N, C-alpha and C. Protein backbone atom coordinates (compact mmCIF):
# COMPACT_ATOMS: atom_id res chain seq x y z
N UNK A 1 -26.57 -28.47 49.58
CA UNK A 1 -25.64 -27.30 50.24
C UNK A 1 -25.46 -26.62 49.29
N UNK A 2 -25.80 -25.13 48.84
CA UNK A 2 -25.42 -24.20 47.85
C UNK A 2 -24.29 -23.86 47.97
N UNK A 3 -23.27 -24.15 47.20
CA UNK A 3 -21.88 -23.94 47.14
C UNK A 3 -21.37 -22.77 47.22
N UNK A 4 -22.37 -22.06 47.09
CA UNK A 4 -22.06 -20.07 46.95
C UNK A 4 -22.21 -19.69 48.00
N UNK A 5 -22.64 -20.07 49.31
CA UNK A 5 -22.65 -19.41 50.65
C UNK A 5 -21.90 -20.59 51.71
N UNK A 6 -21.03 -21.32 51.05
CA UNK A 6 -19.66 -22.03 51.70
C UNK A 6 -18.66 -21.56 52.23
N UNK A 7 -18.62 -21.46 53.38
CA UNK A 7 -17.31 -20.67 53.60
C UNK A 7 -16.58 -21.03 53.00
N UNK A 8 -15.73 -19.56 52.70
CA UNK A 8 -14.21 -20.24 52.40
C UNK A 8 -12.94 -20.22 52.89
N UNK A 9 -11.95 -20.65 52.35
CA UNK A 9 -10.58 -20.85 53.24
C UNK A 9 -9.90 -19.16 52.61
N UNK A 10 -8.83 -19.20 53.27
CA UNK A 10 -7.83 -17.89 53.12
C UNK A 10 -7.44 -18.09 51.62
N UNK A 11 -7.55 -18.67 51.17
CA UNK A 11 -7.21 -19.33 49.90
C UNK A 11 -8.08 -18.98 48.46
N UNK A 12 -9.25 -18.66 49.31
CA UNK A 12 -10.51 -18.40 48.74
C UNK A 12 -11.31 -19.53 48.56
N UNK A 13 -10.34 -20.86 48.49
CA UNK A 13 -11.27 -22.42 48.21
C UNK A 13 -12.61 -22.59 49.18
N UNK A 14 -13.63 -23.42 48.87
CA UNK A 14 -14.97 -23.54 49.18
C UNK A 14 -14.29 -24.48 50.30
N UNK A 15 -14.58 -24.61 51.58
CA UNK A 15 -14.55 -25.43 52.67
C UNK A 15 -15.92 -26.26 53.09
N UNK A 16 -15.71 -27.66 52.77
CA UNK A 16 -16.39 -28.42 53.22
C UNK A 16 -17.25 -28.60 54.51
N UNK A 17 -18.12 -29.15 54.67
CA UNK A 17 -18.09 -29.27 55.98
C UNK A 17 -18.04 -30.85 56.16
N UNK A 18 -17.71 -30.94 57.78
CA UNK A 18 -16.96 -32.32 57.96
C UNK A 18 -18.55 -33.16 58.21
N UNK A 19 -17.93 -34.48 57.48
CA UNK A 19 -18.96 -36.19 57.25
C UNK A 19 -19.29 -35.96 58.82
N UNK A 20 -20.34 -36.08 59.32
CA UNK A 20 -20.78 -36.58 60.28
C UNK A 20 -20.84 -38.25 60.83
N UNK A 21 -20.56 -38.82 62.23
CA UNK A 21 -20.58 -39.82 62.40
C UNK A 21 -22.13 -40.61 61.89
N UNK A 22 -23.14 -39.35 62.19
CA UNK A 22 -24.73 -40.31 62.26
C UNK A 22 -24.45 -40.20 60.33
N UNK A 23 -24.16 -39.17 59.38
CA UNK A 23 -24.31 -39.15 57.88
C UNK A 23 -23.52 -40.80 57.83
N UNK A 24 -22.22 -41.20 58.22
CA UNK A 24 -21.54 -42.16 57.67
C UNK A 24 -22.67 -43.27 57.83
N UNK A 25 -23.22 -43.62 59.35
CA UNK A 25 -24.14 -44.53 59.68
C UNK A 25 -25.33 -44.43 58.66
N UNK A 26 -25.69 -43.24 58.42
CA UNK A 26 -26.96 -43.47 57.36
C UNK A 26 -26.55 -44.28 56.34
N UNK A 27 -25.57 -43.57 55.48
CA UNK A 27 -24.82 -44.39 54.26
C UNK A 27 -24.69 -45.56 54.13
N UNK A 28 -24.38 -46.00 55.37
CA UNK A 28 -23.58 -47.36 55.67
C UNK A 28 -25.16 -48.07 55.54
N UNK A 29 -25.88 -47.77 56.33
CA UNK A 29 -27.42 -48.85 56.51
C UNK A 29 -27.86 -48.73 55.17
N UNK A 30 -27.83 -47.93 54.42
CA UNK A 30 -28.48 -47.39 53.13
C UNK A 30 -28.09 -48.53 52.09
N UNK A 31 -26.65 -48.62 52.24
CA UNK A 31 -25.95 -49.67 51.10
C UNK A 31 -26.02 -50.92 51.83
N UNK A 32 -26.19 -51.28 53.33
CA UNK A 32 -26.57 -52.54 53.43
C UNK A 32 -27.56 -53.33 52.93
N UNK A 33 -28.70 -52.23 53.35
CA UNK A 33 -29.75 -52.40 52.65
C UNK A 33 -29.93 -53.07 51.29
N UNK A 34 -29.24 -52.03 50.48
CA UNK A 34 -29.11 -52.12 48.77
C UNK A 34 -28.28 -53.81 48.85
N UNK A 35 -27.63 -53.50 49.65
CA UNK A 35 -26.91 -54.84 49.10
C UNK A 35 -27.79 -56.37 49.59
N UNK A 36 -28.19 -55.93 50.62
CA UNK A 36 -29.24 -57.55 50.57
C UNK A 36 -30.13 -57.42 49.73
N UNK A 37 -30.58 -56.84 49.26
CA UNK A 37 -31.44 -56.50 47.86
C UNK A 37 -31.51 -57.46 47.03
N UNK A 38 -29.74 -56.64 46.49
CA UNK A 38 -28.72 -57.45 45.17
C UNK A 38 -28.72 -58.66 45.65
N UNK A 39 -28.16 -59.23 46.31
CA UNK A 39 -28.27 -60.59 46.82
C UNK A 39 -29.40 -61.50 46.62
N UNK A 40 -30.46 -61.01 47.26
CA UNK A 40 -31.54 -61.67 46.91
C UNK A 40 -31.77 -61.81 45.66
N UNK A 41 -31.46 -60.51 44.58
CA UNK A 41 -31.95 -60.43 43.17
C UNK A 41 -30.76 -61.77 42.56
N UNK A 42 -29.73 -61.57 43.44
CA UNK A 42 -28.72 -62.61 42.37
C UNK A 42 -29.02 -64.74 42.51
N UNK A 43 -29.49 -64.52 44.03
CA UNK A 43 -29.58 -65.79 44.24
C UNK A 43 -31.75 -65.82 43.50
N UNK A 44 -31.88 -65.06 43.29
CA UNK A 44 -33.22 -65.40 42.66
C UNK A 44 -33.01 -65.50 41.08
N UNK A 45 -32.19 -64.91 40.72
CA UNK A 45 -31.83 -65.40 39.50
C UNK A 45 -31.17 -66.98 39.14
N UNK A 46 -30.16 -66.70 39.77
CA UNK A 46 -29.30 -68.23 40.06
C UNK A 46 -30.77 -69.31 40.17
N UNK A 47 -31.41 -69.22 41.08
CA UNK A 47 -32.63 -70.21 41.48
C UNK A 47 -33.41 -70.51 40.41
N UNK A 48 -33.35 -69.79 39.46
CA UNK A 48 -34.04 -69.91 38.00
C UNK A 48 -33.31 -70.62 37.03
N UNK A 49 -31.46 -70.81 37.21
CA UNK A 49 -30.92 -71.13 36.30
C UNK A 49 -30.38 -70.04 35.58
N UNK A 50 -30.48 -68.62 35.86
CA UNK A 50 -30.04 -67.50 35.50
C UNK A 50 -28.93 -66.83 36.20
N UNK A 51 -28.09 -65.97 35.24
CA UNK A 51 -27.14 -65.42 35.78
C UNK A 51 -27.37 -64.18 36.51
N UNK A 52 -27.29 -63.47 37.47
CA UNK A 52 -27.71 -62.23 37.41
C UNK A 52 -27.52 -61.10 36.12
N UNK A 53 -26.67 -61.46 35.35
CA UNK A 53 -26.11 -60.34 34.65
C UNK A 53 -27.25 -60.96 33.37
N UNK A 54 -27.66 -61.86 33.08
CA UNK A 54 -28.39 -62.21 32.39
C UNK A 54 -30.13 -61.79 32.98
N UNK A 55 -30.51 -61.92 34.14
CA UNK A 55 -31.84 -60.92 34.44
C UNK A 55 -31.69 -59.92 34.38
N UNK A 56 -30.64 -59.48 34.53
CA UNK A 56 -30.57 -58.00 34.30
C UNK A 56 -30.72 -57.45 32.77
N UNK A 57 -30.36 -58.26 31.85
CA UNK A 57 -30.49 -57.88 30.43
C UNK A 57 -31.59 -57.85 30.15
N UNK A 58 -32.87 -59.38 30.47
CA UNK A 58 -33.63 -59.52 30.22
C UNK A 58 -34.75 -58.58 30.59
N UNK A 59 -34.41 -57.69 31.86
CA UNK A 59 -35.12 -56.46 32.63
C UNK A 59 -35.25 -55.22 31.99
N UNK A 60 -34.16 -55.08 31.06
CA UNK A 60 -33.45 -53.97 30.32
C UNK A 60 -34.14 -53.99 29.30
N UNK A 61 -34.25 -54.79 28.59
CA UNK A 61 -35.26 -55.11 27.66
C UNK A 61 -36.51 -54.42 27.65
N UNK A 62 -37.02 -55.53 28.75
CA UNK A 62 -38.63 -55.22 28.42
C UNK A 62 -38.84 -53.66 29.28
N UNK A 63 -38.20 -53.36 30.22
CA UNK A 63 -38.32 -52.23 30.33
C UNK A 63 -37.88 -51.33 29.79
N UNK A 64 -37.36 -50.80 28.81
CA UNK A 64 -36.79 -50.11 27.96
C UNK A 64 -38.19 -49.11 27.75
N UNK A 65 -37.58 -47.80 27.55
CA UNK A 65 -38.97 -46.96 27.69
C UNK A 65 -39.32 -46.66 26.55
N UNK A 66 -40.98 -46.96 26.41
CA UNK A 66 -41.55 -46.77 25.11
C UNK A 66 -41.38 -47.96 23.59
N UNK A 67 -40.75 -48.84 24.12
CA UNK A 67 -40.96 -49.82 23.11
C UNK A 67 -40.41 -50.94 23.74
N UNK A 68 -40.58 -51.99 22.82
CA UNK A 68 -40.68 -53.59 23.50
C UNK A 68 -39.36 -54.08 23.02
N UNK A 69 -38.61 -53.50 22.44
CA UNK A 69 -37.15 -53.82 21.87
C UNK A 69 -36.18 -52.91 22.17
N UNK A 70 -34.93 -53.37 21.90
CA UNK A 70 -33.92 -52.53 22.36
C UNK A 70 -32.66 -52.93 21.59
N UNK A 71 -31.92 -51.96 21.47
CA UNK A 71 -30.64 -52.22 20.39
C UNK A 71 -29.23 -52.94 21.17
N UNK A 72 -28.52 -53.19 20.86
CA UNK A 72 -27.17 -53.82 21.10
C UNK A 72 -26.80 -53.31 22.42
N UNK A 73 -26.65 -51.60 21.10
CA UNK A 73 -25.73 -50.52 22.19
C UNK A 73 -26.76 -49.61 23.41
N UNK A 74 -27.68 -49.66 22.98
CA UNK A 74 -28.85 -49.31 23.90
C UNK A 74 -28.63 -50.50 25.31
N UNK A 75 -28.60 -51.77 24.76
CA UNK A 75 -28.70 -52.78 26.45
C UNK A 75 -27.17 -52.33 26.57
N UNK A 76 -26.32 -52.68 26.23
CA UNK A 76 -24.90 -52.24 26.92
C UNK A 76 -24.61 -50.92 27.81
N UNK A 77 -25.73 -49.79 27.13
CA UNK A 77 -25.54 -48.67 28.53
C UNK A 77 -26.66 -48.82 29.39
N UNK A 78 -27.38 -49.56 29.05
CA UNK A 78 -28.36 -49.69 30.29
C UNK A 78 -27.51 -50.37 31.24
N UNK A 79 -26.83 -51.86 30.92
CA UNK A 79 -25.91 -52.43 31.52
C UNK A 79 -24.72 -52.31 32.23
N UNK A 80 -24.53 -50.99 31.11
CA UNK A 80 -23.00 -50.39 31.98
C UNK A 80 -22.28 -51.37 31.81
N UNK A 81 -21.70 -51.89 30.07
CA UNK A 81 -20.96 -53.02 29.91
C UNK A 81 -20.24 -52.51 28.55
N UNK A 82 -19.25 -53.05 27.95
CA UNK A 82 -18.85 -52.70 26.77
C UNK A 82 -19.99 -53.46 25.57
N UNK A 83 -19.75 -52.67 24.19
CA UNK A 83 -20.25 -52.84 23.51
C UNK A 83 -19.95 -54.43 22.98
N UNK A 84 -18.90 -55.01 22.62
CA UNK A 84 -18.47 -56.42 22.36
C UNK A 84 -19.20 -57.39 23.54
N UNK A 85 -19.09 -57.06 25.02
CA UNK A 85 -19.36 -57.98 25.71
C UNK A 85 -20.85 -58.24 25.90
N UNK A 86 -21.73 -57.52 25.50
CA UNK A 86 -23.19 -57.23 25.44
C UNK A 86 -23.73 -58.45 24.05
N UNK A 87 -22.59 -58.56 22.86
CA UNK A 87 -22.75 -58.87 22.23
C UNK A 87 -22.92 -60.44 22.38
N UNK A 88 -21.83 -60.67 23.35
CA UNK A 88 -21.64 -62.03 23.85
C UNK A 88 -22.92 -62.24 24.38
N UNK A 89 -23.44 -61.73 25.80
CA UNK A 89 -24.61 -61.91 26.26
C UNK A 89 -25.88 -61.91 25.50
N UNK A 90 -25.78 -61.20 24.73
CA UNK A 90 -27.28 -61.32 23.62
C UNK A 90 -27.03 -62.88 22.62
N UNK A 91 -26.11 -63.53 22.52
CA UNK A 91 -25.73 -64.28 22.10
C UNK A 91 -26.12 -65.85 22.77
N UNK A 92 -25.88 -65.55 24.02
CA UNK A 92 -25.69 -66.58 24.99
C UNK A 92 -27.43 -66.63 25.19
N UNK A 93 -28.10 -65.28 26.03
CA UNK A 93 -29.43 -65.50 25.90
C UNK A 93 -30.37 -65.91 24.52
N UNK A 94 -29.92 -65.99 23.23
CA UNK A 94 -30.09 -66.06 21.75
C UNK A 94 -30.64 -67.73 22.32
N UNK A 95 -28.89 -68.13 22.32
CA UNK A 95 -29.16 -69.75 22.89
C UNK A 95 -29.92 -70.56 23.68
N UNK A 96 -30.24 -69.73 24.71
CA UNK A 96 -30.85 -70.43 25.58
C UNK A 96 -32.68 -70.11 25.35
N UNK A 97 -32.99 -69.29 24.36
CA UNK A 97 -34.07 -69.31 23.84
C UNK A 97 -35.49 -68.18 24.43
N UNK A 98 -34.01 -67.26 25.16
CA UNK A 98 -34.72 -65.77 25.60
C UNK A 98 -35.17 -64.51 24.85
N UNK A 99 -34.46 -64.45 23.91
CA UNK A 99 -34.42 -63.48 23.30
C UNK A 99 -34.16 -63.76 21.51
N UNK A 100 -34.80 -63.12 20.98
CA UNK A 100 -34.57 -62.93 19.21
C UNK A 100 -33.66 -61.84 18.75
N UNK A 101 -32.83 -61.99 17.91
CA UNK A 101 -32.37 -60.31 17.40
C UNK A 101 -32.58 -60.43 15.71
N UNK A 102 -32.90 -59.16 15.39
CA UNK A 102 -33.54 -58.48 14.10
C UNK A 102 -32.75 -57.68 13.68
N UNK A 103 -31.97 -57.33 12.92
CA UNK A 103 -31.51 -55.72 11.94
C UNK A 103 -32.50 -55.25 11.87
N UNK A 104 -32.02 -53.61 12.05
CA UNK A 104 -33.00 -52.77 11.93
C UNK A 104 -33.28 -52.86 10.51
N UNK A 105 -34.07 -51.91 10.07
CA UNK A 105 -34.44 -51.52 8.30
C UNK A 105 -33.63 -50.58 7.77
N UNK A 106 -33.41 -49.54 8.81
CA UNK A 106 -33.04 -48.22 8.58
C UNK A 106 -31.20 -48.41 8.62
N UNK A 107 -30.66 -49.02 9.43
CA UNK A 107 -29.20 -49.42 9.67
C UNK A 107 -29.23 -50.79 9.61
N UNK A 108 -28.37 -51.37 9.08
CA UNK A 108 -27.95 -52.79 8.96
C UNK A 108 -26.99 -52.91 10.11
N UNK A 109 -26.31 -51.76 10.53
CA UNK A 109 -25.69 -51.82 11.66
C UNK A 109 -26.15 -52.03 12.97
N UNK A 110 -27.36 -51.85 13.05
CA UNK A 110 -27.93 -51.83 14.02
C UNK A 110 -28.27 -53.24 14.41
N UNK A 111 -28.74 -54.04 15.83
CA UNK A 111 -29.58 -55.16 15.79
C UNK A 111 -30.48 -54.79 16.80
N UNK A 112 -31.93 -55.02 16.40
CA UNK A 112 -32.56 -55.21 18.13
C UNK A 112 -32.68 -56.34 18.44
N UNK A 113 -32.81 -56.36 19.93
CA UNK A 113 -32.84 -57.57 20.53
C UNK A 113 -34.59 -57.19 21.20
N UNK A 114 -35.46 -58.58 21.08
CA UNK A 114 -36.44 -58.63 22.17
C UNK A 114 -36.40 -60.03 22.72
N UNK A 115 -37.27 -60.23 23.58
CA UNK A 115 -37.42 -61.12 24.80
C UNK A 115 -38.82 -62.14 23.60
N UNK A 116 -38.36 -63.39 23.78
CA UNK A 116 -39.37 -64.12 23.43
C UNK A 116 -40.28 -65.10 24.03
N UNK A 117 -41.10 -65.59 24.05
CA UNK A 117 -42.31 -65.75 25.21
C UNK A 117 -41.42 -66.45 26.12
N UNK A 118 -40.75 -67.26 26.21
CA UNK A 118 -40.06 -67.97 27.23
C UNK A 118 -39.26 -66.99 27.94
N UNK A 119 -38.70 -65.76 27.60
CA UNK A 119 -37.90 -64.94 27.89
C UNK A 119 -38.84 -64.23 29.12
N UNK A 120 -39.99 -64.03 28.36
CA UNK A 120 -40.75 -63.05 29.44
C UNK A 120 -41.30 -64.07 30.48
N UNK A 121 -41.59 -65.25 30.23
CA UNK A 121 -42.37 -65.69 31.06
C UNK A 121 -41.04 -65.99 32.49
N UNK A 122 -40.06 -65.89 31.92
CA UNK A 122 -38.80 -65.70 32.96
C UNK A 122 -38.77 -64.95 33.88
N UNK A 123 -38.76 -63.87 33.05
CA UNK A 123 -38.88 -62.48 33.67
C UNK A 123 -39.93 -62.36 34.71
N UNK A 124 -41.30 -62.56 34.34
CA UNK A 124 -42.53 -62.27 35.02
C UNK A 124 -42.03 -63.27 36.24
N UNK A 125 -41.53 -64.42 36.29
CA UNK A 125 -41.34 -64.93 37.45
C UNK A 125 -40.48 -64.51 38.34
N UNK A 126 -39.56 -63.74 37.65
CA UNK A 126 -38.33 -62.98 38.73
C UNK A 126 -38.80 -61.49 39.32
N UNK A 127 -39.80 -61.09 38.34
CA UNK A 127 -40.18 -59.85 39.14
C UNK A 127 -41.19 -60.37 40.21
N UNK A 128 -42.06 -61.26 39.97
CA UNK A 128 -43.09 -61.29 41.05
C UNK A 128 -42.48 -61.62 42.07
N UNK A 129 -41.09 -62.14 42.57
CA UNK A 129 -40.59 -61.95 43.44
C UNK A 129 -39.51 -60.86 43.91
N UNK A 130 -39.36 -59.97 42.92
CA UNK A 130 -38.57 -58.87 43.36
C UNK A 130 -40.02 -57.88 43.71
N UNK A 131 -40.48 -58.11 43.26
CA UNK A 131 -41.40 -56.63 43.35
C UNK A 131 -42.18 -57.28 45.11
N UNK A 132 -42.34 -58.31 45.71
CA UNK A 132 -42.14 -58.57 47.03
C UNK A 132 -41.48 -58.41 47.72
N UNK A 133 -40.38 -58.52 47.43
CA UNK A 133 -39.17 -58.10 48.17
C UNK A 133 -38.98 -56.56 48.34
N UNK A 134 -39.21 -55.93 47.43
CA UNK A 134 -39.33 -54.65 47.59
C UNK A 134 -40.35 -53.90 48.05
N UNK A 135 -41.62 -54.75 48.56
CA UNK A 135 -42.72 -54.48 49.22
C UNK A 135 -41.93 -54.52 50.76
N UNK A 136 -41.39 -55.53 51.23
CA UNK A 136 -40.94 -55.94 52.31
C UNK A 136 -40.10 -54.78 52.82
N UNK A 137 -38.67 -54.31 51.58
CA UNK A 137 -37.81 -53.51 52.28
C UNK A 137 -37.85 -52.12 51.61
N UNK A 138 -38.99 -51.80 50.72
CA UNK A 138 -38.89 -50.61 50.33
C UNK A 138 -39.74 -49.57 51.67
N UNK A 139 -40.19 -49.42 52.90
CA UNK A 139 -40.05 -48.76 53.64
C UNK A 139 -38.62 -48.42 54.43
N UNK A 140 -38.20 -49.20 54.53
CA UNK A 140 -36.73 -49.17 55.38
C UNK A 140 -35.83 -48.14 54.13
N UNK A 141 -35.81 -48.48 53.10
CA UNK A 141 -34.96 -48.16 52.41
C UNK A 141 -35.83 -46.14 52.16
N UNK A 142 -36.81 -46.39 51.97
CA UNK A 142 -37.83 -45.05 51.70
C UNK A 142 -36.68 -44.13 52.95
N UNK A 143 -36.92 -44.84 54.30
CA UNK A 143 -36.37 -43.86 55.61
C UNK A 143 -35.14 -44.00 55.43
N UNK A 144 -34.37 -44.78 55.04
CA UNK A 144 -32.82 -44.62 55.02
C UNK A 144 -32.52 -43.36 53.93
N UNK A 145 -32.88 -43.29 52.80
CA UNK A 145 -32.85 -42.80 52.36
C UNK A 145 -33.32 -41.22 52.06
N UNK A 146 -34.27 -40.97 52.75
CA UNK A 146 -34.62 -39.51 53.45
C UNK A 146 -33.93 -38.69 54.33
N UNK A 147 -33.07 -40.00 55.25
CA UNK A 147 -32.18 -39.70 56.51
C UNK A 147 -30.87 -39.00 55.20
N UNK A 148 -30.45 -39.49 54.40
CA UNK A 148 -29.47 -39.41 53.68
C UNK A 148 -29.47 -38.18 53.03
N UNK A 149 -30.97 -37.64 52.52
CA UNK A 149 -30.95 -36.63 51.81
C UNK A 149 -31.18 -35.08 52.88
N UNK A 150 -31.54 -35.34 53.99
CA UNK A 150 -31.60 -34.48 54.73
C UNK A 150 -30.39 -33.44 55.15
N UNK A 151 -30.35 -32.41 54.43
CA UNK A 151 -29.37 -31.64 54.96
C UNK A 151 -28.82 -31.24 56.45
N UNK A 152 -27.34 -31.70 56.38
CA UNK A 152 -27.08 -31.26 58.17
C UNK A 152 -27.11 -29.96 58.53
N UNK A 153 -27.10 -30.14 59.80
CA UNK A 153 -27.10 -28.61 60.32
C UNK A 153 -26.11 -27.79 60.23
N UNK A 154 -25.83 -26.58 59.90
CA UNK A 154 -24.26 -25.92 59.90
C UNK A 154 -23.53 -25.93 60.89
N UNK A 155 -22.35 -26.24 60.89
CA UNK A 155 -21.30 -26.20 62.36
C UNK A 155 -20.90 -24.73 61.95
N UNK A 156 -20.31 -24.07 60.83
CA UNK A 156 -19.98 -22.95 60.91
C UNK A 156 -20.65 -21.93 60.64
N UNK A 157 -20.54 -21.07 61.66
CA UNK A 157 -21.42 -19.72 62.08
C UNK A 157 -21.77 -19.00 60.67
N UNK A 158 -20.75 -18.92 59.67
CA UNK A 158 -21.41 -18.33 58.63
C UNK A 158 -22.65 -18.65 57.57
N UNK A 159 -23.10 -20.04 58.06
CA UNK A 159 -24.03 -20.93 57.21
C UNK A 159 -25.23 -20.86 57.98
N UNK A 160 -25.31 -19.90 59.14
CA UNK A 160 -26.23 -19.52 59.92
C UNK A 160 -27.00 -18.25 59.32
N UNK A 161 -28.19 -18.43 58.86
CA UNK A 161 -29.53 -17.73 58.34
C UNK A 161 -29.07 -15.87 59.14
N UNK A 162 -29.93 -15.20 58.91
CA UNK A 162 -30.00 -14.01 59.62
C UNK A 162 -30.65 -13.89 60.65
N UNK A 163 -31.51 -14.96 60.94
CA UNK A 163 -32.16 -15.26 61.86
C UNK A 163 -31.47 -15.70 63.15
N UNK A 164 -30.38 -16.55 62.47
CA UNK A 164 -29.56 -17.24 63.67
C UNK A 164 -29.76 -19.05 63.71
N UNK A 165 -30.64 -19.27 62.95
CA UNK A 165 -30.84 -20.49 62.11
C UNK A 165 -30.15 -21.16 61.08
N UNK A 166 -29.67 -22.55 61.31
CA UNK A 166 -29.29 -22.95 60.30
C UNK A 166 -30.36 -23.43 59.39
N UNK A 167 -30.60 -23.97 58.19
CA UNK A 167 -31.55 -24.78 57.70
C UNK A 167 -32.25 -25.52 58.33
N UNK A 168 -31.66 -26.83 58.79
CA UNK A 168 -32.42 -28.03 59.19
C UNK A 168 -32.98 -26.92 61.10
N UNK A 169 -32.80 -25.68 61.38
CA UNK A 169 -33.24 -25.65 62.62
C UNK A 169 -34.51 -25.05 62.57
N UNK A 170 -35.00 -24.58 61.07
CA UNK A 170 -35.97 -24.00 61.07
C UNK A 170 -37.43 -24.92 60.88
N UNK A 171 -38.08 -24.50 61.99
CA UNK A 171 -39.30 -25.81 61.86
C UNK A 171 -39.89 -25.84 60.17
N UNK A 172 -39.91 -25.17 59.67
CA UNK A 172 -40.51 -25.23 58.02
C UNK A 172 -39.77 -26.10 57.04
N UNK A 173 -38.20 -26.30 57.24
CA UNK A 173 -37.34 -26.71 56.76
C UNK A 173 -36.87 -28.17 57.42
N UNK A 174 -37.37 -28.15 58.31
CA UNK A 174 -37.45 -30.06 59.01
C UNK A 174 -38.40 -30.81 58.00
N UNK A 175 -37.44 -32.40 57.56
CA UNK A 175 -38.52 -33.19 56.91
C UNK A 175 -38.77 -34.14 57.89
N UNK A 176 -40.70 -34.20 57.59
CA UNK A 176 -41.65 -35.03 58.26
C UNK A 176 -41.07 -36.35 58.37
N UNK A 177 -40.99 -37.22 59.44
CA UNK A 177 -40.79 -38.32 59.28
C UNK A 177 -42.20 -39.27 60.08
């Protein structure tokens, strides 16, 4: 919604359109399917002897854009955890033989983390299972996400265009399903 066209109250504040029951239902359904996938992921990791966080770390290392190693700081950002927590996580992964650490040559304060062959094998096994699960739930997630992104029909007369239509009323603005 373009906030510049949003109706204003007497005080000049922008008024938000009320959230519809259908929007709540769509968001709840989307979060439910996401949660089911996350539960699958947690159980898959635990099934091979990893914590979900260990799995996420291995994936973040292997999936880092442009290179096969990652700094501890970059890993902390990707996992959305504190630097000192990431150091402990890397220590545990190294003790299990899944990663190696190597100091940066240009800045000794930075440490790069790389997957070992064992870490790669573990991640490959988990990723194959995740790919299959995503193929199963992907179409449902796509549909739910599309439904969430559809702009709701305006309920306030000032949001109707000069032609009398709201955005979702015009055939050219409808999302194809």
